[in-house]
PDB file of N, CA and C in Angstrom:
ATOM      1  N   UNK A   1     109.127 119.123 121.608  1.00  0.00           N
ATOM      2  CA  UNK A   1     108.899 117.703 121.818  1.00  0.00           C
ATOM      3  C   UNK A   1     109.699 117.242 123.031  1.00  0.00           C
ATOM      4  N   UNK A   2     109.058 116.403 123.829  1.00  0.00           N
ATOM      5  CA  UNK A   2     109.709 115.806 124.985  1.00  0.00           C
ATOM      6  C   UNK A   2     109.797 114.307 124.733  1.00  0.00           C
ATOM      7  N   UNK A   3     110.978 113.747 124.949  1.00  0.00           N
ATOM      8  CA  UNK A   3     111.164 112.305 124.828  1.00  0.00           C
ATOM      9  C   UNK A   3     111.801 111.793 126.107  1.00  0.00           C
ATOM     10  N   UNK A   4     111.344 110.641 126.553  1.00  0.00           N
ATOM     11  CA  UNK A   4     111.942 110.020 127.725  1.00  0.00           C
ATOM     12  C   UNK A   4     111.761 108.513 127.635  1.00  0.00           C
ATOM     13  N   UNK A   5     112.605 107.814 128.360  1.00  0.00           N
ATOM     14  CA  UNK A   5     112.561 106.358 128.344  1.00  0.00           C
ATOM     15  C   UNK A   5     112.058 105.866 129.697  1.00  0.00           C
ATOM     16  N   UNK A   6     111.226 104.849 129.668  1.00  0.00           N
ATOM     17  CA  UNK A   6     110.731 104.231 130.896  1.00  0.00           C
ATOM     18  C   UNK A   6     111.005 102.737 130.837  1.00  0.00           C
ATOM     19  N   UNK A   7     111.143 102.150 132.010  1.00  0.00           N
ATOM     20  CA  UNK A   7     111.235 100.706 132.130  1.00  0.00           C
ATOM     21  C   UNK A   7     109.911 100.231 132.696  1.00  0.00           C
ATOM     22  N   UNK A   8     109.309  99.273 132.046  1.00  0.00           N
ATOM     23  CA  UNK A   8     108.006  98.760 132.470  1.00  0.00           C
ATOM     24  C   UNK A   8     108.207  97.829 133.662  1.00  0.00           C
ATOM     25  N   UNK A   9     107.593  98.180 134.785  1.00  0.00           N
ATOM     26  CA  UNK A   9     107.717  97.380 135.997  1.00  0.00           C
ATOM     27  C   UNK A   9     106.433  96.639 136.333  1.00  0.00           C
ATOM     28  N   UNK A  10     105.403  96.835 135.543  1.00  0.00           N
ATOM     29  CA  UNK A  10     104.117  96.183 135.775  1.00  0.00           C
ATOM     30  C   UNK A  10     104.261  94.683 135.557  1.00  0.00           C
ATOM     31  N   UNK A  11     103.818  93.899 136.533  1.00  0.00           N
ATOM     32  CA  UNK A  11     103.861  92.455 136.382  1.00  0.00           C
ATOM     33  C   UNK A  11     102.977  92.054 135.215  1.00  0.00           C
ATOM     34  N   UNK A  12     103.514  91.300 134.300  1.00  0.00           N
ATOM     35  CA  UNK A  12     102.758  90.884 133.123  1.00  0.00           C
ATOM     36  C   UNK A  12     102.880  91.853 131.960  1.00  0.00           C
ATOM     37  N   UNK A  13     103.579  92.971 132.161  1.00  0.00           N
ATOM     38  CA  UNK A  13     103.779  93.933 131.082  1.00  0.00           C
ATOM     39  C   UNK A  13     102.540  94.756 130.792  1.00  0.00           C
ATOM     40  N   UNK A  14     102.465  95.296 129.589  1.00  0.00           N
ATOM     41  CA  UNK A  14     101.342  96.151 129.210  1.00  0.00           C
ATOM     42  C   UNK A  14     100.234  95.316 128.568  1.00  0.00           C
ATOM     43  N   UNK A  15      99.588  94.511 129.401  1.00  0.00           N
ATOM     44  CA  UNK A  15      98.435  93.728 128.957  1.00  0.00           C
ATOM     45  C   UNK A  15      97.210  94.642 128.967  1.00  0.00           C
ATOM     46  N   UNK A  16      96.021  94.093 128.858  1.00  0.00           N
ATOM     47  CA  UNK A  16      94.806  94.885 128.634  1.00  0.00           C
ATOM     48  C   UNK A  16      94.579  96.018 129.643  1.00  0.00           C
ATOM     49  N   UNK A  17      94.620  95.733 130.940  1.00  0.00           N
ATOM     50  CA  UNK A  17      94.311  96.768 131.918  1.00  0.00           C
ATOM     51  C   UNK A  17      95.314  97.915 131.901  1.00  0.00           C
ATOM     52  N   UNK A  18      96.622  97.644 132.000  1.00  0.00           N
ATOM     53  CA  UNK A  18      97.558  98.773 131.947  1.00  0.00           C
ATOM     54  C   UNK A  18      97.572  99.475 130.589  1.00  0.00           C
ATOM     55  N   UNK A  19      97.334  98.730 129.515  1.00  0.00           N
ATOM     56  CA  UNK A  19      97.265  99.365 128.187  1.00  0.00           C
ATOM     57  C   UNK A  19      96.094 100.333 128.139  1.00  0.00           C
ATOM     58  N   UNK A  20      94.966  99.941 128.725  1.00  0.00           N
ATOM     59  CA  UNK A  20      93.790 100.820 128.762  1.00  0.00           C
ATOM     60  C   UNK A  20      94.064 102.059 129.619  1.00  0.00           C
ATOM     61  N   UNK A  21      94.716 101.879 130.760  1.00  0.00           N
ATOM     62  CA  UNK A  21      95.069 103.029 131.606  1.00  0.00           C
ATOM     63  C   UNK A  21      95.999 103.992 130.873  1.00  0.00           C
ATOM     64  N   UNK A  22      96.980 103.437 130.180  1.00  0.00           N
ATOM     65  CA  UNK A  22      97.929 104.259 129.441  1.00  0.00           C
ATOM     66  C   UNK A  22      97.225 105.013 128.312  1.00  0.00           C
ATOM     67  N   UNK A  23      96.363 104.332 127.585  1.00  0.00           N
ATOM     68  CA  UNK A  23      95.621 104.975 126.491  1.00  0.00           C
ATOM     69  C   UNK A  23      94.704 106.071 127.033  1.00  0.00           C
ATOM     70  N   UNK A  24      94.046 105.810 128.165  1.00  0.00           N
ATOM     71  CA  UNK A  24      93.171 106.823 128.768  1.00  0.00           C
ATOM     72  C   UNK A  24      93.963 108.033 129.236  1.00  0.00           C
ATOM     73  N   UNK A  25      95.122 107.804 129.845  1.00  0.00           N
ATOM     74  CA  UNK A  25      95.995 108.919 130.246  1.00  0.00           C
ATOM     75  C   UNK A  25      96.397 109.736 129.019  1.00  0.00           C
ATOM     76  N   UNK A  26      96.760 109.048 127.964  1.00  0.00           N
ATOM     77  CA  UNK A  26      97.186 109.726 126.739  1.00  0.00           C
ATOM     78  C   UNK A  26      96.042 110.524 126.118  1.00  0.00           C
ATOM     79  N   UNK A  27      94.842 109.977 126.167  1.00  0.00           N
ATOM     80  CA  UNK A  27      93.678 110.632 125.563  1.00  0.00           C
ATOM     81  C   UNK A  27      93.286 111.915 126.296  1.00  0.00           C
ATOM     82  N   UNK A  28      93.695 112.061 127.536  1.00  0.00           N
ATOM     83  CA  UNK A  28      93.376 113.264 128.306  1.00  0.00           C
ATOM     84  C   UNK A  28      94.236 114.452 127.892  1.00  0.00           C
ATOM     85  N   UNK A  29      95.226 114.207 127.081  1.00  0.00           N
ATOM     86  CA  UNK A  29      96.154 115.249 126.643  1.00  0.00           C
ATOM     87  C   UNK A  29      95.792 115.739 125.244  1.00  0.00           C
ATOM     88  N   UNK A  30      96.152 116.980 124.978  1.00  0.00           N
ATOM     89  CA  UNK A  30      95.996 117.538 123.626  1.00  0.00           C
ATOM     90  C   UNK A  30      97.194 117.181 122.748  1.00  0.00           C
ATOM     91  N   UNK A  31      98.261 116.709 123.389  1.00  0.00           N
ATOM     92  CA  UNK A  31      99.509 116.417 122.672  1.00  0.00           C
ATOM     93  C   UNK A  31      99.452 115.062 121.971  1.00  0.00           C
ATOM     94  N   UNK A  32     100.294 114.922 120.960  1.00  0.00           N
ATOM     95  CA  UNK A  32     100.466 113.640 120.278  1.00  0.00           C
ATOM     96  C   UNK A  32     101.447 112.815 121.105  1.00  0.00           C
ATOM     97  N   UNK A  33     101.051 111.595 121.422  1.00  0.00           N
ATOM     98  CA  UNK A  33     101.885 110.726 122.246  1.00  0.00           C
ATOM     99  C   UNK A  33     102.197 109.467 121.449  1.00  0.00           C
ATOM    100  N   UNK A  34     103.485 109.175 121.343  1.00  0.00           N
ATOM    101  CA  UNK A  34     103.940 108.025 120.574  1.00  0.00           C
ATOM    102  C   UNK A  34     104.797 107.136 121.468  1.00  0.00           C
ATOM    103  N   UNK A  35     104.553 105.834 121.402  1.00  0.00           N
ATOM    104  CA  UNK A  35     105.339 104.853 122.144  1.00  0.00           C
ATOM    105  C   UNK A  35     106.178 104.064 121.153  1.00  0.00           C
ATOM    106  N   UNK A  36     107.443 103.873 121.475  1.00  0.00           N
ATOM    107  CA  UNK A  36     108.348 103.139 120.593  1.00  0.00           C
ATOM    108  C   UNK A  36     109.041 102.031 121.379  1.00  0.00           C
ATOM    109  N   UNK A  37     108.975 100.820 120.822  1.00  0.00           N
ATOM    110  CA  UNK A  37     109.734  99.686 121.357  1.00  0.00           C
ATOM    111  C   UNK A  37     110.457  99.066 120.175  1.00  0.00           C
ATOM    112  N   UNK A  38     111.764  99.129 120.200  1.00  0.00           N
ATOM    113  CA  UNK A  38     112.542  98.618 119.070  1.00  0.00           C
ATOM    114  C   UNK A  38     112.223  99.415 117.823  1.00  0.00           C
ATOM    115  N   UNK A  39     111.791  98.722 116.779  1.00  0.00           N
ATOM    116  CA  UNK A  39     111.461  99.425 115.531  1.00  0.00           C
ATOM    117  C   UNK A  39     109.952  99.621 115.362  1.00  0.00           C
ATOM    118  N   UNK A  40     109.175  99.278 116.386  1.00  0.00           N
ATOM    119  CA  UNK A  40     107.721  99.461 116.339  1.00  0.00           C
ATOM    120  C   UNK A  40     107.330 100.760 117.041  1.00  0.00           C
ATOM    121  N   UNK A  41     106.418 101.491 116.408  1.00  0.00           N
ATOM    122  CA  UNK A  41     105.956 102.766 116.941  1.00  0.00           C
ATOM    123  C   UNK A  41     104.431 102.790 116.872  1.00  0.00           C
ATOM    124  N   UNK A  42     103.778 103.188 117.991  1.00  0.00           N
ATOM    125  CA  UNK A  42     102.315 103.214 118.011  1.00  0.00           C
ATOM    126  C   UNK A  42     101.807 104.496 118.671  1.00  0.00           C
ATOM    127  N   UNK A  43     100.547 104.800 118.392  1.00  0.00           N
ATOM    128  CA  UNK A  43      99.856 105.934 118.996  1.00  0.00           C
ATOM    129  C   UNK A  43      99.538 105.579 120.455  1.00  0.00           C
ATOM    130  N   UNK A  44      99.874 106.468 121.371  1.00  0.00           N
ATOM    131  CA  UNK A  44      99.629 106.237 122.791  1.00  0.00           C
ATOM    132  C   UNK A  44      98.168 106.207 123.171  1.00  0.00           C
ATOM    133  N   UNK A  45      97.291 106.617 122.273  1.00  0.00           N
ATOM    134  CA  UNK A  45      95.847 106.598 122.552  1.00  0.00           C
ATOM    135  C   UNK A  45      95.192 105.274 122.141  1.00  0.00           C
ATOM    136  N   UNK A  46      95.936 104.401 121.500  1.00  0.00           N
ATOM    137  CA  UNK A  46      95.392 103.162 120.960  1.00  0.00           C
ATOM    138  C   UNK A  46      95.702 101.969 121.872  1.00  0.00           C
ATOM    139  N   UNK A  47      94.657 101.450 122.527  1.00  0.00           N
ATOM    140  CA  UNK A  47      94.849 100.278 123.389  1.00  0.00           C
ATOM    141  C   UNK A  47      95.406  99.115 122.573  1.00  0.00           C
ATOM    142  N   UNK A  48      94.799  98.863 121.430  1.00  0.00           N
ATOM    143  CA  UNK A  48      95.250  97.763 120.571  1.00  0.00           C
ATOM    144  C   UNK A  48      96.692  97.986 120.114  1.00  0.00           C
ATOM    145  N   UNK A  49      97.013  99.225 119.730  1.00  0.00           N
ATOM    146  CA  UNK A  49      98.378  99.539 119.318  1.00  0.00           C
ATOM    147  C   UNK A  49      99.378  99.258 120.422  1.00  0.00           C
ATOM    148  N   UNK A  50      99.042  99.686 121.641  1.00  0.00           N
ATOM    149  CA  UNK A  50      99.931  99.463 122.788  1.00  0.00           C
ATOM    150  C   UNK A  50     100.147  97.970 123.002  1.00  0.00           C
ATOM    151  N   UNK A  51      99.049  97.209 122.926  1.00  0.00           N
ATOM    152  CA  UNK A  51      99.156  95.768 123.160  1.00  0.00           C
ATOM    153  C   UNK A  51      99.960  95.063 122.066  1.00  0.00           C
ATOM    154  N   UNK A  52      99.922  95.585 120.834  1.00  0.00           N
ATOM    155  CA  UNK A  52     100.683  94.949 119.750  1.00  0.00           C
ATOM    156  C   UNK A  52     102.193  95.137 119.903  1.00  0.00           C
ATOM    157  N   UNK A  53     102.607  96.048 120.765  1.00  0.00           N
ATOM    158  CA  UNK A  53     104.042  96.211 121.009  1.00  0.00           C
ATOM    159  C   UNK A  53     104.624  95.004 121.738  1.00  0.00           C
ATOM    160  N   UNK A  54     103.775  94.247 122.428  1.00  0.00           N
ATOM    161  CA  UNK A  54     104.251  93.063 123.147  1.00  0.00           C
ATOM    162  C   UNK A  54     105.182  93.416 124.295  1.00  0.00           C
ATOM    163  N   UNK A  55     104.852  94.468 125.037  1.00  0.00           N
ATOM    164  CA  UNK A  55     105.716  94.942 126.119  1.00  0.00           C
ATOM    165  C   UNK A  55     105.576  94.043 127.339  1.00  0.00           C
ATOM    166  N   UNK A  56     106.699  93.515 127.802  1.00  0.00           N
ATOM    167  CA  UNK A  56     106.710  92.676 128.997  1.00  0.00           C
ATOM    168  C   UNK A  56     107.453  93.399 130.119  1.00  0.00           C
ATOM    169  N   UNK A  57     107.305  92.875 131.314  1.00  0.00           N
ATOM    170  CA  UNK A  57     107.968  93.468 132.479  1.00  0.00           C
ATOM    171  C   UNK A  57     109.475  93.509 132.236  1.00  0.00           C
ATOM    172  N   UNK A  58     110.071  94.675 132.475  1.00  0.00           N
ATOM    173  CA  UNK A  58     111.505  94.862 132.273  1.00  0.00           C
ATOM    174  C   UNK A  58     111.863  95.502 130.944  1.00  0.00           C
ATOM    175  N   UNK A  59     110.913  95.535 130.002  1.00  0.00           N
ATOM    176  CA  UNK A  59     111.171  96.175 128.704  1.00  0.00           C
ATOM    177  C   UNK A  59     111.279  97.687 128.862  1.00  0.00           C
ATOM    178  N   UNK A  60     112.006  98.302 127.958  1.00  0.00           N
ATOM    179  CA  UNK A  60     112.135  99.759 127.920  1.00  0.00           C
ATOM    180  C   UNK A  60     111.291 100.302 126.764  1.00  0.00           C
ATOM    181  N   UNK A  61     110.659 101.435 127.014  1.00  0.00           N
ATOM    182  CA  UNK A  61     109.864 102.127 126.009  1.00  0.00           C
ATOM    183  C   UNK A  61     110.358 103.546 125.876  1.00  0.00           C
ATOM    184  N   UNK A  62     110.381 104.038 124.658  1.00  0.00           N
ATOM    185  CA  UNK A  62     110.659 105.446 124.410  1.00  0.00           C
ATOM    186  C   UNK A  62     109.307 106.114 124.206  1.00  0.00           C
ATOM    187  N   UNK A  63     109.052 107.157 124.987  1.00  0.00           N
ATOM    188  CA  UNK A  63     107.793 107.892 124.882  1.00  0.00           C
ATOM    189  C   UNK A  63     108.089 109.281 124.355  1.00  0.00           C
ATOM    190  N   UNK A  64     107.375 109.663 123.313  1.00  0.00           N
ATOM    191  CA  UNK A  64     107.505 110.994 122.715  1.00  0.00           C
ATOM    192  C   UNK A  64     106.184 111.728 122.902  1.00  0.00           C
ATOM    193  N   UNK A  65     106.285 112.964 123.372  1.00  0.00           N
ATOM    194  CA  UNK A  65     105.099 113.788 123.605  1.00  0.00           C
ATOM    195  C   UNK A  65     105.323 115.119 122.901  1.00  0.00           C
ATOM    196  N   UNK A  66     104.378 115.487 122.024  1.00  0.00           N
ATOM    197  CA  UNK A  66     104.526 116.730 121.282  1.00  0.00           C
ATOM    198  C   UNK A  66     103.186 117.440 121.194  1.00  0.00           C
ATOM    199  N   UNK A  67     103.174 118.696 121.664  1.00  0.00           N
ATOM    200  CA  UNK A  67     101.945 119.474 121.593  1.00  0.00           C
ATOM    201  C   UNK A  67     101.919 120.570 122.638  1.00  0.00           C
ATOM    202  N   UNK A  68     100.782 121.238 122.711  1.00  0.00           N
ATOM    203  CA  UNK A  68     100.674 122.415 123.563  1.00  0.00           C
ATOM    204  C   UNK A  68     100.752 122.105 125.053  1.00  0.00           C
ATOM    205  N   UNK A  69     100.362 120.904 125.477  1.00  0.00           N
ATOM    206  CA  UNK A  69     100.438 120.560 126.899  1.00  0.00           C
ATOM    207  C   UNK A  69     101.440 119.420 127.141  1.00  0.00           C
ATOM    208  N   UNK A  70     102.497 119.402 126.349  1.00  0.00           N
ATOM    209  CA  UNK A  70     103.441 118.288 126.391  1.00  0.00           C
ATOM    210  C   UNK A  70     104.110 118.108 127.747  1.00  0.00           C
ATOM    211  N   UNK A  71     104.423 119.197 128.446  1.00  0.00           N
ATOM    212  CA  UNK A  71     105.089 119.066 129.750  1.00  0.00           C
ATOM    213  C   UNK A  71     104.178 118.384 130.761  1.00  0.00           C
ATOM    214  N   UNK A  72     102.938 118.821 130.807  1.00  0.00           N
ATOM    215  CA  UNK A  72     101.962 118.234 131.727  1.00  0.00           C
ATOM    216  C   UNK A  72     101.711 116.763 131.373  1.00  0.00           C
ATOM    217  N   UNK A  73     101.557 116.480 130.092  1.00  0.00           N
ATOM    218  CA  UNK A  73     101.295 115.114 129.645  1.00  0.00           C
ATOM    219  C   UNK A  73     102.483 114.201 129.946  1.00  0.00           C
ATOM    220  N   UNK A  74     103.685 114.670 129.683  1.00  0.00           N
ATOM    221  CA  UNK A  74     104.881 113.867 129.935  1.00  0.00           C
ATOM    222  C   UNK A  74     105.013 113.552 131.427  1.00  0.00           C
ATOM    223  N   UNK A  75     104.772 114.542 132.275  1.00  0.00           N
ATOM    224  CA  UNK A  75     104.854 114.336 133.722  1.00  0.00           C
ATOM    225  C   UNK A  75     103.816 113.312 134.175  1.00  0.00           C
ATOM    226  N   UNK A  76     102.606 113.416 133.661  1.00  0.00           N
ATOM    227  CA  UNK A  76     101.543 112.483 134.018  1.00  0.00           C
ATOM    228  C   UNK A  76     101.907 111.051 133.623  1.00  0.00           C
ATOM    229  N   UNK A  77     102.459 110.882 132.434  1.00  0.00           N
ATOM    230  CA  UNK A  77     102.846 109.546 131.971  1.00  0.00           C
ATOM    231  C   UNK A  77     104.024 108.998 132.772  1.00  0.00           C
ATOM    232  N   UNK A  78     104.990 109.859 133.084  1.00  0.00           N
ATOM    233  CA  UNK A  78     106.122 109.413 133.896  1.00  0.00           C
ATOM    234  C   UNK A  78     105.644 108.925 135.255  1.00  0.00           C
ATOM    235  N   UNK A  79     104.719 109.654 135.858  1.00  0.00           N
ATOM    236  CA  UNK A  79     104.193 109.259 137.161  1.00  0.00           C
ATOM    237  C   UNK A  79     103.434 107.944 137.077  1.00  0.00           C
ATOM    238  N   UNK A  80     102.686 107.742 136.003  1.00  0.00           N
ATOM    239  CA  UNK A  80     101.960 106.490 135.816  1.00  0.00           C
ATOM    240  C   UNK A  80     102.924 105.301 135.810  1.00  0.00           C
ATOM    241  N   UNK A  81     104.026 105.434 135.084  1.00  0.00           N
ATOM    242  CA  UNK A  81     105.012 104.351 135.040  1.00  0.00           C
ATOM    243  C   UNK A  81     105.740 104.203 136.370  1.00  0.00           C
ATOM    244  N   UNK A  82     106.073 105.315 137.017  1.00  0.00           N
ATOM    245  CA  UNK A  82     106.773 105.258 138.309  1.00  0.00           C
ATOM    246  C   UNK A  82     105.929 104.564 139.367  1.00  0.00           C
ATOM    247  N   UNK A  83     104.615 104.723 139.281  1.00  0.00           N
ATOM    248  CA  UNK A  83     103.705 104.121 140.257  1.00  0.00           C
ATOM    249  C   UNK A  83     103.248 102.732 139.814  1.00  0.00           C
ATOM    250  N   UNK A  84     103.861 102.203 138.765  1.00  0.00           N
ATOM    251  CA  UNK A  84     103.512 100.890 138.214  1.00  0.00           C
ATOM    252  C   UNK A  84     102.010 100.759 137.967  1.00  0.00           C
ATOM    253  N   UNK A  85     101.413 101.857 137.482  1.00  0.00           N
ATOM    254  CA  UNK A  85     100.007 101.902 137.086  1.00  0.00           C
ATOM    255  C   UNK A  85      99.045 101.762 138.261  1.00  0.00           C
ATOM    256  N   UNK A  86      99.529 102.003 139.471  1.00  0.00           N
ATOM    257  CA  UNK A  86      98.650 102.044 140.644  1.00  0.00           C
ATOM    258  C   UNK A  86      98.310 103.487 140.930  1.00  0.00           C
ATOM    259  N   UNK A  87      97.053 103.779 141.058  1.00  0.00           N
ATOM    260  CA  UNK A  87      96.623 105.153 141.285  1.00  0.00           C
ATOM    261  C   UNK A  87      96.322 105.395 142.729  1.00  0.00           C
TER     262      UNK A  87
END
């Protein structure tokens, strides 16, 4: 399992568009991806789940990736956050 923390730099936080991008990135992986903010934990493939976290700009998220392609998936997610969801 790989765990890492990210700071959300997207203006407006993880609203619909970035939540959809994050869920799509997560769905491309075979690994289980979990996002944690405070005491709330959601599946990284769920747009609705991501949005229910109420993540705003500046918030920190703990991302857990577990599975056969966890290294590749973790790197992809880290890059998504580093690029502030701009491809």
